[in-house]
Amino acid sequence: YLMAAFNRVVRPRHDEDLVFMLVEAGRACILVAQGGKWCHV
């Protein structure tokens, strides 16, 4: 679901910095990108 959601609703630029939180019932996933690279999950 994390990949499906990110690809569906975010679609960031390759160089974009962001924090993405995906929430479903009872669970949350967080992805952080810095300088266009993943730095935390």
PDB file of all heavy atoms in Angstrom:
ATOM      1  N   TYR A   1       0.820  -1.208   0.000  1.00  0.00           N
ATOM      2  CA  TYR A   1       0.000   0.000   0.000  1.00  0.00           C
ATOM      3  C   TYR A   1       0.856   1.262   0.000  1.00  0.00           C
ATOM      4  O   TYR A   1       0.511   2.266  -0.629  1.00  0.00           O
ATOM      5  CB  TYR A   1      -0.931  -0.039   1.219  1.00  0.00           C
ATOM      6  CG  TYR A   1      -1.903   1.102   1.329  1.00  0.00           C
ATOM      7  CD1 TYR A   1      -2.409   1.742   0.199  1.00  0.00           C
ATOM      8  CD2 TYR A   1      -2.360   1.538   2.580  1.00  0.00           C
ATOM      9  CE1 TYR A   1      -3.319   2.775   0.312  1.00  0.00           C
ATOM     10  CE2 TYR A   1      -3.262   2.574   2.691  1.00  0.00           C
ATOM     11  CZ  TYR A   1      -3.736   3.198   1.565  1.00  0.00           C
ATOM     12  OH  TYR A   1      -4.634   4.225   1.680  1.00  0.00           O
ATOM     13  N   LEU A   2       1.997   1.233   0.695  1.00  0.00           N
ATOM     14  CA  LEU A   2       2.853   2.416   0.738  1.00  0.00           C
ATOM     15  C   LEU A   2       3.279   2.825  -0.664  1.00  0.00           C
ATOM     16  O   LEU A   2       3.232   4.016  -1.014  1.00  0.00           O
ATOM     17  CB  LEU A   2       4.078   2.135   1.611  1.00  0.00           C
ATOM     18  CG  LEU A   2       5.088   3.282   1.738  1.00  0.00           C
ATOM     19  CD1 LEU A   2       4.443   4.514   2.364  1.00  0.00           C
ATOM     20  CD2 LEU A   2       6.295   2.839   2.558  1.00  0.00           C
ATOM     21  N   MET A   3       3.695   1.877  -1.486  1.00  0.00           N
ATOM     22  CA  MET A   3       4.122   2.199  -2.846  1.00  0.00           C
ATOM     23  C   MET A   3       2.955   2.646  -3.704  1.00  0.00           C
ATOM     24  O   MET A   3       3.038   3.614  -4.461  1.00  0.00           O
ATOM     25  CB  MET A   3       4.800   0.991  -3.491  1.00  0.00           C
ATOM     26  CG  MET A   3       6.226   0.760  -3.057  1.00  0.00           C
ATOM     27  SD  MET A   3       6.355   0.184  -1.355  1.00  0.00           S
ATOM     28  CE  MET A   3       8.073  -0.357  -1.359  1.00  0.00           C
ATOM     29  N   ALA A   4       1.814   1.920  -3.590  1.00  0.00           N
ATOM     30  CA  ALA A   4       0.643   2.277  -4.385  1.00  0.00           C
ATOM     31  C   ALA A   4       0.185   3.697  -4.068  1.00  0.00           C
ATOM     32  O   ALA A   4      -0.132   4.481  -4.959  1.00  0.00           O
ATOM     33  CB  ALA A   4      -0.486   1.285  -4.120  1.00  0.00           C
ATOM     34  N   ALA A   5       0.167   4.031  -2.786  1.00  0.00           N
ATOM     35  CA  ALA A   5      -0.296   5.357  -2.379  1.00  0.00           C
ATOM     36  C   ALA A   5       0.675   6.437  -2.820  1.00  0.00           C
ATOM     37  O   ALA A   5       0.271   7.484  -3.352  1.00  0.00           O
ATOM     38  CB  ALA A   5      -0.475   5.393  -0.863  1.00  0.00           C
ATOM     39  N   PHE A   6       1.961   6.212  -2.601  1.00  0.00           N
ATOM     40  CA  PHE A   6       2.949   7.224  -2.968  1.00  0.00           C
ATOM     41  C   PHE A   6       2.903   7.514  -4.463  1.00  0.00           C
ATOM     42  O   PHE A   6       2.881   8.670  -4.885  1.00  0.00           O
ATOM     43  CB  PHE A   6       4.349   6.753  -2.559  1.00  0.00           C
ATOM     44  CG  PHE A   6       5.410   7.793  -2.759  1.00  0.00           C
ATOM     45  CD1 PHE A   6       5.641   8.774  -1.801  1.00  0.00           C
ATOM     46  CD2 PHE A   6       6.181   7.806  -3.914  1.00  0.00           C
ATOM     47  CE1 PHE A   6       6.605   9.742  -1.994  1.00  0.00           C
ATOM     48  CE2 PHE A   6       7.149   8.768  -4.118  1.00  0.00           C
ATOM     49  CZ  PHE A   6       7.365   9.740  -3.145  1.00  0.00           C
ATOM     50  N   ASN A   7       2.860   6.464  -5.266  1.00  0.00           N
ATOM     51  CA  ASN A   7       2.831   6.660  -6.717  1.00  0.00           C
ATOM     52  C   ASN A   7       1.541   7.300  -7.191  1.00  0.00           C
ATOM     53  O   ASN A   7       1.521   8.021  -8.192  1.00  0.00           O
ATOM     54  CB  ASN A   7       3.034   5.315  -7.429  1.00  0.00           C
ATOM     55  CG  ASN A   7       4.419   4.762  -7.220  1.00  0.00           C
ATOM     56  OD1 ASN A   7       5.369   5.495  -7.002  1.00  0.00           O
ATOM     57  ND2 ASN A   7       4.537   3.445  -7.279  1.00  0.00           N
ATOM     58  N   ARG A   8       0.449   7.076  -6.453  1.00  0.00           N
ATOM     59  CA  ARG A   8      -0.851   7.571  -6.877  1.00  0.00           C
ATOM     60  C   ARG A   8      -1.072   9.038  -6.499  1.00  0.00           C
ATOM     61  O   ARG A   8      -1.573   9.823  -7.295  1.00  0.00           O
ATOM     62  CB  ARG A   8      -1.958   6.703  -6.257  1.00  0.00           C
ATOM     63  CG  ARG A   8      -3.379   7.139  -6.580  1.00  0.00           C
ATOM     64  CD  ARG A   8      -3.702   6.936  -8.039  1.00  0.00           C
ATOM     65  NE  ARG A   8      -5.069   7.323  -8.332  1.00  0.00           N
ATOM     66  CZ  ARG A   8      -5.560   7.473  -9.553  1.00  0.00           C
ATOM     67  NH1 ARG A   8      -4.790   7.264 -10.584  1.00  0.00           N
ATOM     68  NH2 ARG A   8      -6.807   7.813  -9.749  1.00  0.00           N
ATOM     69  N   VAL A   9      -0.704   9.406  -5.279  1.00  0.00           N
ATOM     70  CA  VAL A   9      -1.118  10.727  -4.804  1.00  0.00           C
ATOM     71  C   VAL A   9       0.021  11.730  -4.675  1.00  0.00           C
ATOM     72  O   VAL A   9      -0.220  12.930  -4.546  1.00  0.00           O
ATOM     73  CB  VAL A   9      -1.844  10.630  -3.438  1.00  0.00           C
ATOM     74  CG1 VAL A   9      -3.037   9.718  -3.526  1.00  0.00           C
ATOM     75  CG2 VAL A   9      -0.891  10.171  -2.330  1.00  0.00           C
ATOM     76  N   VAL A  10       1.281  11.282  -4.709  1.00  0.00           N
ATOM     77  CA  VAL A  10       2.382  12.214  -4.471  1.00  0.00           C
ATOM     78  C   VAL A  10       3.063  12.608  -5.773  1.00  0.00           C
ATOM     79  O   VAL A  10       3.081  13.771  -6.160  1.00  0.00           O
ATOM     80  CB  VAL A  10       3.408  11.627  -3.482  1.00  0.00           C
ATOM     81  CG1 VAL A  10       4.534  12.629  -3.233  1.00  0.00           C
ATOM     82  CG2 VAL A  10       2.728  11.277  -2.164  1.00  0.00           C
ATOM     83  N   ARG A  11       3.698  11.636  -6.437  1.00  0.00           N
ATOM     84  CA  ARG A  11       4.417  11.884  -7.692  1.00  0.00           C
ATOM     85  C   ARG A  11       5.371  13.080  -7.577  1.00  0.00           C
ATOM     86  O   ARG A  11       5.237  14.082  -8.267  1.00  0.00           O
ATOM     87  CB  ARG A  11       3.439  12.115  -8.845  1.00  0.00           C
ATOM     88  CG  ARG A  11       2.590  10.901  -9.179  1.00  0.00           C
ATOM     89  CD  ARG A  11       1.637  11.199 -10.325  1.00  0.00           C
ATOM     90  NE  ARG A  11       0.830  10.052 -10.669  1.00  0.00           N
ATOM     91  CZ  ARG A  11       1.188   9.119 -11.557  1.00  0.00           C
ATOM     92  NH1 ARG A  11       2.343   9.209 -12.155  1.00  0.00           N
ATOM     93  NH2 ARG A  11       0.394   8.101 -11.821  1.00  0.00           N
ATOM     94  N   PRO A  12       6.390  12.989  -6.711  1.00  0.00           N
ATOM     95  CA  PRO A  12       7.283  14.127  -6.514  1.00  0.00           C
ATOM     96  C   PRO A  12       8.287  14.271  -7.650  1.00  0.00           C
ATOM     97  O   PRO A  12       8.503  13.356  -8.445  1.00  0.00           O
ATOM     98  CB  PRO A  12       8.008  13.759  -5.216  1.00  0.00           C
ATOM     99  CG  PRO A  12       8.072  12.273  -5.271  1.00  0.00           C
ATOM    100  CD  PRO A  12       6.782  11.829  -5.919  1.00  0.00           C
ATOM    101  N   ARG A  13       8.929  15.432  -7.724  1.00  0.00           N
ATOM    102  CA  ARG A  13      10.070  15.600  -8.621  1.00  0.00           C
ATOM    103  C   ARG A  13      11.252  14.818  -8.057  1.00  0.00           C
ATOM    104  O   ARG A  13      11.330  14.529  -6.872  1.00  0.00           O
ATOM    105  CB  ARG A  13      10.439  17.082  -8.738  1.00  0.00           C
ATOM    106  CG  ARG A  13       9.325  17.971  -9.266  1.00  0.00           C
ATOM    107  CD  ARG A  13       9.866  19.379  -9.533  1.00  0.00           C
ATOM    108  NE  ARG A  13      10.538  19.909  -8.362  1.00  0.00           N
ATOM    109  CZ  ARG A  13       9.921  20.611  -7.414  1.00  0.00           C
ATOM    110  NH1 ARG A  13       8.614  20.846  -7.501  1.00  0.00           N
ATOM    111  NH2 ARG A  13      10.590  21.084  -6.376  1.00  0.00           N
ATOM    112  N   HIS A  14      12.187  14.506  -8.940  1.00  0.00           N
ATOM    113  CA  HIS A  14      13.326  13.685  -8.516  1.00  0.00           C
ATOM    114  C   HIS A  14      14.175  14.390  -7.455  1.00  0.00           C
ATOM    115  O   HIS A  14      14.821  13.744  -6.647  1.00  0.00           O
ATOM    116  CB  HIS A  14      14.200  13.325  -9.720  1.00  0.00           C
ATOM    117  CG  HIS A  14      13.571  12.318 -10.624  1.00  0.00           C
ATOM    118  ND1 HIS A  14      13.178  11.066 -10.186  1.00  0.00           N
ATOM    119  CD2 HIS A  14      13.271  12.370 -11.940  1.00  0.00           C
ATOM    120  CE1 HIS A  14      12.668  10.391 -11.195  1.00  0.00           C
ATOM    121  NE2 HIS A  14      12.700  11.163 -12.267  1.00  0.00           N
ATOM    122  N   ASP A  15      14.185  15.712  -7.477  1.00  0.00           N
ATOM    123  CA  ASP A  15      15.040  16.444  -6.546  1.00  0.00           C
ATOM    124  C   ASP A  15      14.265  17.026  -5.364  1.00  0.00           C
ATOM    125  O   ASP A  15      14.781  17.851  -4.616  1.00  0.00           O
ATOM    126  CB  ASP A  15      15.765  17.579  -7.277  1.00  0.00           C
ATOM    127  CG  ASP A  15      14.787  18.581  -7.907  1.00  0.00           C
ATOM    128  OD1 ASP A  15      13.581  18.248  -8.016  1.00  0.00           O
ATOM    129  OD2 ASP A  15      15.224  19.677  -8.296  1.00  0.00           O
ATOM    130  N   GLU A  16      13.034  16.600  -5.172  1.00  0.00           N
ATOM    131  CA  GLU A  16      12.170  17.215  -4.172  1.00  0.00           C
ATOM    132  C   GLU A  16      12.428  16.641  -2.778  1.00  0.00           C
ATOM    133  O   GLU A  16      12.650  15.447  -2.604  1.00  0.00           O
ATOM    134  CB  GLU A  16      10.705  16.984  -4.548  1.00  0.00           C
ATOM    135  CG  GLU A  16       9.721  17.742  -3.655  1.00  0.00           C
ATOM    136  CD  GLU A  16       8.295  17.606  -4.147  1.00  0.00           C
ATOM    137  OE1 GLU A  16       8.076  16.850  -5.106  1.00  0.00           O
ATOM    138  OE2 GLU A  16       7.418  18.266  -3.572  1.00  0.00           O
ATOM    139  N   ASP A  17      12.423  17.538  -1.769  1.00  0.00           N
ATOM    140  CA  ASP A  17      12.485  17.130  -0.372  1.00  0.00           C
ATOM    141  C   ASP A  17      11.064  17.052   0.169  1.00  0.00           C
ATOM    142  O   ASP A  17      10.252  17.949  -0.081  1.00  0.00           O
ATOM    143  CB  ASP A  17      13.269  18.149   0.466  1.00  0.00           C
ATOM    144  CG  ASP A  17      14.715  18.285   0.012  1.00  0.00           C
ATOM    145  OD1 ASP A  17      15.178  17.431  -0.759  1.00  0.00           O
ATOM    146  OD2 ASP A  17      15.376  19.250   0.436  1.00  0.00           O
ATOM    147  N   LEU A  18      10.759  15.998   0.917  1.00  0.00           N
ATOM    148  CA  LEU A  18       9.421  15.895   1.480  1.00  0.00           C
ATOM    149  C   LEU A  18       9.385  14.864   2.592  1.00  0.00           C
ATOM    150  O   LEU A  18      10.248  13.998   2.705  1.00  0.00           O
ATOM    151  CB  LEU A  18       8.387  15.534   0.413  1.00  0.00           C
ATOM    152  CG  LEU A  18       8.506  14.188  -0.315  1.00  0.00           C
ATOM    153  CD1 LEU A  18       7.793  13.071   0.450  1.00  0.00           C
ATOM    154  CD2 LEU A  18       7.913  14.277  -1.716  1.00  0.00           C
ATOM    155  N   VAL A  19       8.325  14.970   3.394  1.00  0.00           N
ATOM    156  CA  VAL A  19       7.960  13.968   4.385  1.00  0.00           C
ATOM    157  C   VAL A  19       6.565  13.487   4.011  1.00  0.00           C
ATOM    158  O   VAL A  19       5.645  14.288   3.876  1.00  0.00           O
ATOM    159  CB  VAL A  19       7.951  14.556   5.810  1.00  0.00           C
ATOM    160  CG1 VAL A  19       7.490  13.497   6.815  1.00  0.00           C
ATOM    161  CG2 VAL A  19       9.327  15.094   6.190  1.00  0.00           C
ATOM    162  N   PHE A  20       6.418  12.197   3.821  1.00  0.00           N
ATOM    163  CA  PHE A  20       5.128  11.618   3.431  1.00  0.00           C
ATOM    164  C   PHE A  20       4.672  10.649   4.515  1.00  0.00           C
ATOM    165  O   PHE A  20       5.407   9.720   4.880  1.00  0.00           O
ATOM    166  CB  PHE A  20       5.255  10.882   2.089  1.00  0.00           C
ATOM    167  CG  PHE A  20       4.021  10.117   1.684  1.00  0.00           C
ATOM    168  CD1 PHE A  20       2.812  10.772   1.521  1.00  0.00           C
ATOM    169  CD2 PHE A  20       4.073   8.749   1.445  1.00  0.00           C
ATOM    170  CE1 PHE A  20       1.658  10.064   1.141  1.00  0.00           C
ATOM    171  CE2 PHE A  20       2.946   8.034   1.054  1.00  0.00           C
ATOM    172  CZ  PHE A  20       1.736   8.703   0.909  1.00  0.00           C
ATOM    173  N   MET A  21       3.470  10.865   5.035  1.00  0.00           N
ATOM    174  CA  MET A  21       2.892   9.935   5.997  1.00  0.00           C
ATOM    175  C   MET A  21       1.630   9.329   5.405  1.00  0.00           C
ATOM    176  O   MET A  21       0.720  10.044   4.984  1.00  0.00           O
ATOM    177  CB  MET A  21       2.555  10.610   7.329  1.00  0.00           C
ATOM    178  CG  MET A  21       1.958   9.614   8.330  1.00  0.00           C
ATOM    179  SD  MET A  21       1.929  10.176  10.057  1.00  0.00           S
ATOM    180  CE  MET A  21       0.585  11.350   9.994  1.00  0.00           C
ATOM    181  N   LEU A  22       1.576   7.985   5.384  1.00  0.00           N
ATOM    182  CA  LEU A  22       0.409   7.248   4.916  1.00  0.00           C
ATOM    183  C   LEU A  22      -0.258   6.592   6.119  1.00  0.00           C
ATOM    184  O   LEU A  22       0.383   5.822   6.846  1.00  0.00           O
ATOM    185  CB  LEU A  22       0.822   6.178   3.902  1.00  0.00           C
ATOM    186  CG  LEU A  22      -0.284   5.244   3.428  1.00  0.00           C
ATOM    187  CD1 LEU A  22      -1.343   6.008   2.629  1.00  0.00           C
ATOM    188  CD2 LEU A  22       0.299   4.111   2.580  1.00  0.00           C
ATOM    189  N   VAL A  23      -1.534   6.896   6.319  1.00  0.00           N
ATOM    190  CA  VAL A  23      -2.262   6.395   7.479  1.00  0.00           C
ATOM    191  C   VAL A  23      -3.342   5.425   7.014  1.00  0.00           C
ATOM    192  O   VAL A  23      -4.103   5.723   6.093  1.00  0.00           O
ATOM    193  CB  VAL A  23      -2.915   7.552   8.271  1.00  0.00           C
ATOM    194  CG1 VAL A  23      -3.605   7.018   9.524  1.00  0.00           C
ATOM    195  CG2 VAL A  23      -1.871   8.609   8.639  1.00  0.00           C
ATOM    196  N   GLU A  24      -3.388   4.252   7.625  1.00  0.00           N
ATOM    197  CA  GLU A  24      -4.516   3.342   7.466  1.00  0.00           C
ATOM    198  C   GLU A  24      -4.952   2.936   8.860  1.00  0.00           C
ATOM    199  O   GLU A  24      -4.332   3.337   9.858  1.00  0.00           O
ATOM    200  CB  GLU A  24      -4.137   2.131   6.621  1.00  0.00           C
ATOM    201  CG  GLU A  24      -3.013   1.305   7.181  1.00  0.00           C
ATOM    202  CD  GLU A  24      -2.703   0.088   6.325  1.00  0.00           C
ATOM    203  OE1 GLU A  24      -3.616  -0.741   6.121  1.00  0.00           O
ATOM    204  OE2 GLU A  24      -1.558  -0.049   5.867  1.00  0.00           O
ATOM    205  N   ALA A  25      -6.016   2.179   8.954  1.00  0.00           N
ATOM    206  CA  ALA A  25      -6.560   1.826  10.267  1.00  0.00           C
ATOM    207  C   ALA A  25      -5.508   1.108  11.111  1.00  0.00           C
ATOM    208  O   ALA A  25      -5.059   0.013  10.764  1.00  0.00           O
ATOM    209  CB  ALA A  25      -7.792   0.940  10.101  1.00  0.00           C
ATOM    210  N   GLY A  26      -5.079   1.753  12.183  1.00  0.00           N
ATOM    211  CA  GLY A  26      -4.175   1.136  13.134  1.00  0.00           C
ATOM    212  C   GLY A  26      -2.704   1.201  12.782  1.00  0.00           C
ATOM    213  O   GLY A  26      -1.865   0.702  13.545  1.00  0.00           O
ATOM    214  N   ARG A  27      -2.337   1.817  11.665  1.00  0.00           N
ATOM    215  CA  ARG A  27      -0.937   1.819  11.261  1.00  0.00           C
ATOM    216  C   ARG A  27      -0.611   3.052  10.431  1.00  0.00           C
ATOM    217  O   ARG A  27      -1.453   3.549   9.681  1.00  0.00           O
ATOM    218  CB  ARG A  27      -0.587   0.555  10.479  1.00  0.00           C
ATOM    219  CG  ARG A  27       0.915   0.266  10.418  1.00  0.00           C
ATOM    220  CD  ARG A  27       1.165  -1.194  10.118  1.00  0.00           C
ATOM    221  NE  ARG A  27       2.579  -1.546  10.211  1.00  0.00           N
ATOM    222  CZ  ARG A  27       3.193  -1.848  11.352  1.00  0.00           C
ATOM    223  NH1 ARG A  27       2.534  -1.824  12.491  1.00  0.00           N
ATOM    224  NH2 ARG A  27       4.478  -2.169  11.355  1.00  0.00           N
ATOM    225  N   ALA A  28       0.615   3.523  10.576  1.00  0.00           N
ATOM    226  CA  ALA A  28       1.076   4.658   9.786  1.00  0.00           C
ATOM    227  C   ALA A  28       2.492   4.391   9.305  1.00  0.00           C
ATOM    228  O   ALA A  28       3.324   3.849  10.041  1.00  0.00           O
ATOM    229  CB  ALA A  28       1.041   5.944  10.608  1.00  0.00           C
ATOM    230  N   CYS A  29       2.771   4.756   8.050  1.00  0.00           N
ATOM    231  CA  CYS A  29       4.110   4.656   7.474  1.00  0.00           C
ATOM    232  C   CYS A  29       4.590   6.057   7.131  1.00  0.00           C
ATOM    233  O   CYS A  29       3.805   6.902   6.681  1.00  0.00           O
ATOM    234  CB  CYS A  29       4.108   3.805   6.210  1.00  0.00           C
ATOM    235  SG  CYS A  29       3.817   2.056   6.495  1.00  0.00           S
ATOM    236  N   ILE A  30       5.885   6.286   7.333  1.00  0.00           N
ATOM    237  CA  ILE A  30       6.466   7.595   7.045  1.00  0.00           C
ATOM    238  C   ILE A  30       7.697   7.408   6.174  1.00  0.00           C
ATOM    239  O   ILE A  30       8.576   6.595   6.474  1.00  0.00           O
ATOM    240  CB  ILE A  30       6.834   8.338   8.342  1.00  0.00           C
ATOM    241  CG1 ILE A  30       5.559   8.663   9.127  1.00  0.00           C
ATOM    242  CG2 ILE A  30       7.612   9.621   8.034  1.00  0.00           C
ATOM    243  CD1 ILE A  30       5.800   9.301  10.463  1.00  0.00           C
ATOM    244  N   LEU A  31       7.749   8.164   5.078  1.00  0.00           N
ATOM    245  CA  LEU A  31       8.884   8.203   4.167  1.00  0.00           C
ATOM    246  C   LEU A  31       9.438   9.620   4.130  1.00  0.00           C
ATOM    247  O   LEU A  31       8.673  10.587   4.030  1.00  0.00           O
ATOM    248  CB  LEU A  31       8.443   7.812   2.754  1.00  0.00           C
ATOM    249  CG  LEU A  31       8.546   6.367   2.293  1.00  0.00           C
ATOM    250  CD1 LEU A  31       7.933   6.235   0.900  1.00  0.00           C
ATOM    251  CD2 LEU A  31       9.979   5.894   2.283  1.00  0.00           C
ATOM    252  N   VAL A  32      10.757   9.742   4.182  1.00  0.00           N
ATOM    253  CA  VAL A  32      11.387  11.063   4.115  1.00  0.00           C
ATOM    254  C   VAL A  32      12.402  11.053   2.983  1.00  0.00           C
ATOM    255  O   VAL A  32      13.222  10.125   2.870  1.00  0.00           O
ATOM    256  CB  VAL A  32      12.090  11.427   5.442  1.00  0.00           C
ATOM    257  CG1 VAL A  32      12.685  12.837   5.351  1.00  0.00           C
ATOM    258  CG2 VAL A  32      11.113  11.333   6.612  1.00  0.00           C
ATOM    259  N   ALA A  33      12.337  12.072   2.128  1.00  0.00           N
ATOM    260  CA  ALA A  33      13.294  12.236   1.035  1.00  0.00           C
ATOM    261  C   ALA A  33      14.038  13.555   1.229  1.00  0.00           C
ATOM    262  O   ALA A  33      13.430  14.570   1.572  1.00  0.00           O
ATOM    263  CB  ALA A  33      12.591  12.219  -0.313  1.00  0.00           C
ATOM    264  N   GLN A  34      15.336  13.526   1.006  1.00  0.00           N
ATOM    265  CA  GLN A  34      16.171  14.724   1.105  1.00  0.00           C
ATOM    266  C   GLN A  34      17.086  14.745  -0.112  1.00  0.00           C
ATOM    267  O   GLN A  34      17.783  13.764  -0.404  1.00  0.00           O
ATOM    268  CB  GLN A  34      17.011  14.687   2.384  1.00  0.00           C
ATOM    269  CG  GLN A  34      17.809  15.948   2.652  1.00  0.00           C
ATOM    270  CD  GLN A  34      16.948  17.064   3.223  1.00  0.00           C
ATOM    271  OE1 GLN A  34      15.854  16.824   3.708  1.00  0.00           O
ATOM    272  NE2 GLN A  34      17.446  18.291   3.181  1.00  0.00           N
ATOM    273  N   GLY A  35      17.047  15.849  -0.845  1.00  0.00           N
ATOM    274  CA  GLY A  35      17.876  15.946  -2.034  1.00  0.00           C
ATOM    275  C   GLY A  35      17.535  14.913  -3.083  1.00  0.00           C
ATOM    276  O   GLY A  35      18.391  14.469  -3.850  1.00  0.00           O
ATOM    277  N   GLY A  36      16.254  14.510  -3.132  1.00  0.00           N
ATOM    278  CA  GLY A  36      15.826  13.526  -4.107  1.00  0.00           C
ATOM    279  C   GLY A  36      16.212  12.103  -3.764  1.00  0.00           C
ATOM    280  O   GLY A  36      16.071  11.212  -4.597  1.00  0.00           O
ATOM    281  N   LYS A  37      16.686  11.870  -2.531  1.00  0.00           N
ATOM    282  CA  LYS A  37      17.067  10.527  -2.113  1.00  0.00           C
ATOM    283  C   LYS A  37      16.322  10.167  -0.830  1.00  0.00           C
ATOM    284  O   LYS A  37      16.111  11.019   0.034  1.00  0.00           O
ATOM    285  CB  LYS A  37      18.574  10.443  -1.850  1.00  0.00           C
ATOM    286  CG  LYS A  37      19.440  10.726  -3.062  1.00  0.00           C
ATOM    287  CD  LYS A  37      20.909  10.623  -2.704  1.00  0.00           C
ATOM    288  CE  LYS A  37      21.795  10.899  -3.914  1.00  0.00           C
ATOM    289  NZ  LYS A  37      23.238  10.786  -3.577  1.00  0.00           N
ATOM    290  N   TRP A  38      15.920   8.880  -0.725  1.00  0.00           N
ATOM    291  CA  TRP A  38      15.302   8.433   0.517  1.00  0.00           C
ATOM    292  C   TRP A  38      16.318   8.495   1.650  1.00  0.00           C
ATOM    293  O   TRP A  38      17.466   8.077   1.493  1.00  0.00           O
ATOM    294  CB  TRP A  38      14.805   6.992   0.381  1.00  0.00           C
ATOM    295  CG  TRP A  38      13.790   6.759  -0.685  1.00  0.00           C
ATOM    296  CD1 TRP A  38      13.885   5.900  -1.735  1.00  0.00           C
ATOM    297  CD2 TRP A  38      12.510   7.384  -0.803  1.00  0.00           C
ATOM    298  NE1 TRP A  38      12.749   5.955  -2.513  1.00  0.00           N
ATOM    299  CE2 TRP A  38      11.889   6.861  -1.955  1.00  0.00           C
ATOM    300  CE3 TRP A  38      11.838   8.347  -0.052  1.00  0.00           C
ATOM    301  CZ2 TRP A  38      10.626   7.262  -2.371  1.00  0.00           C
ATOM    302  CZ3 TRP A  38      10.578   8.744  -0.468  1.00  0.00           C
ATOM    303  CH2 TRP A  38       9.987   8.205  -1.612  1.00  0.00           C
ATOM    304  N   CYS A  39      15.873   9.022   2.799  1.00  0.00           N
ATOM    305  CA  CYS A  39      16.777   9.070   3.943  1.00  0.00           C
ATOM    306  C   CYS A  39      16.169   8.473   5.205  1.00  0.00           C
ATOM    307  O   CYS A  39      16.876   8.306   6.212  1.00  0.00           O
ATOM    308  CB  CYS A  39      17.245  10.500   4.213  1.00  0.00           C
ATOM    309  SG  CYS A  39      15.942  11.655   4.709  1.00  0.00           S
ATOM    310  N   HIS A  40      14.875   8.113   5.172  1.00  0.00           N
ATOM    311  CA  HIS A  40      14.252   7.549   6.372  1.00  0.00           C
ATOM    312  C   HIS A  40      12.949   6.865   5.983  1.00  0.00           C
ATOM    313  O   HIS A  40      12.202   7.356   5.137  1.00  0.00           O
ATOM    314  CB  HIS A  40      13.963   8.666   7.385  1.00  0.00           C
ATOM    315  CG  HIS A  40      13.385   8.181   8.683  1.00  0.00           C
ATOM    316  ND1 HIS A  40      14.123   7.522   9.633  1.00  0.00           N
ATOM    317  CD2 HIS A  40      12.120   8.248   9.180  1.00  0.00           C
ATOM    318  CE1 HIS A  40      13.358   7.216  10.667  1.00  0.00           C
ATOM    319  NE2 HIS A  40      12.143   7.646  10.410  1.00  0.00           N
ATOM    320  N   VAL A  41      12.676   5.708   6.602  1.00  0.00           N
ATOM    321  CA  VAL A  41      11.386   5.039   6.459  1.00  0.00           C
ATOM    322  C   VAL A  41      11.051   4.391   7.787  1.00  0.00           C
ATOM    323  O   VAL A  41      11.932   3.903   8.503  1.00  0.00           O
ATOM    324  CB  VAL A  41      11.413   3.975   5.330  1.00  0.00           C
ATOM    325  CG1 VAL A  41      12.389   2.854   5.622  1.00  0.00           C
ATOM    326  CG2 VAL A  41      10.013   3.413   5.078  1.00  0.00           C
TER     327      VAL A  41
END
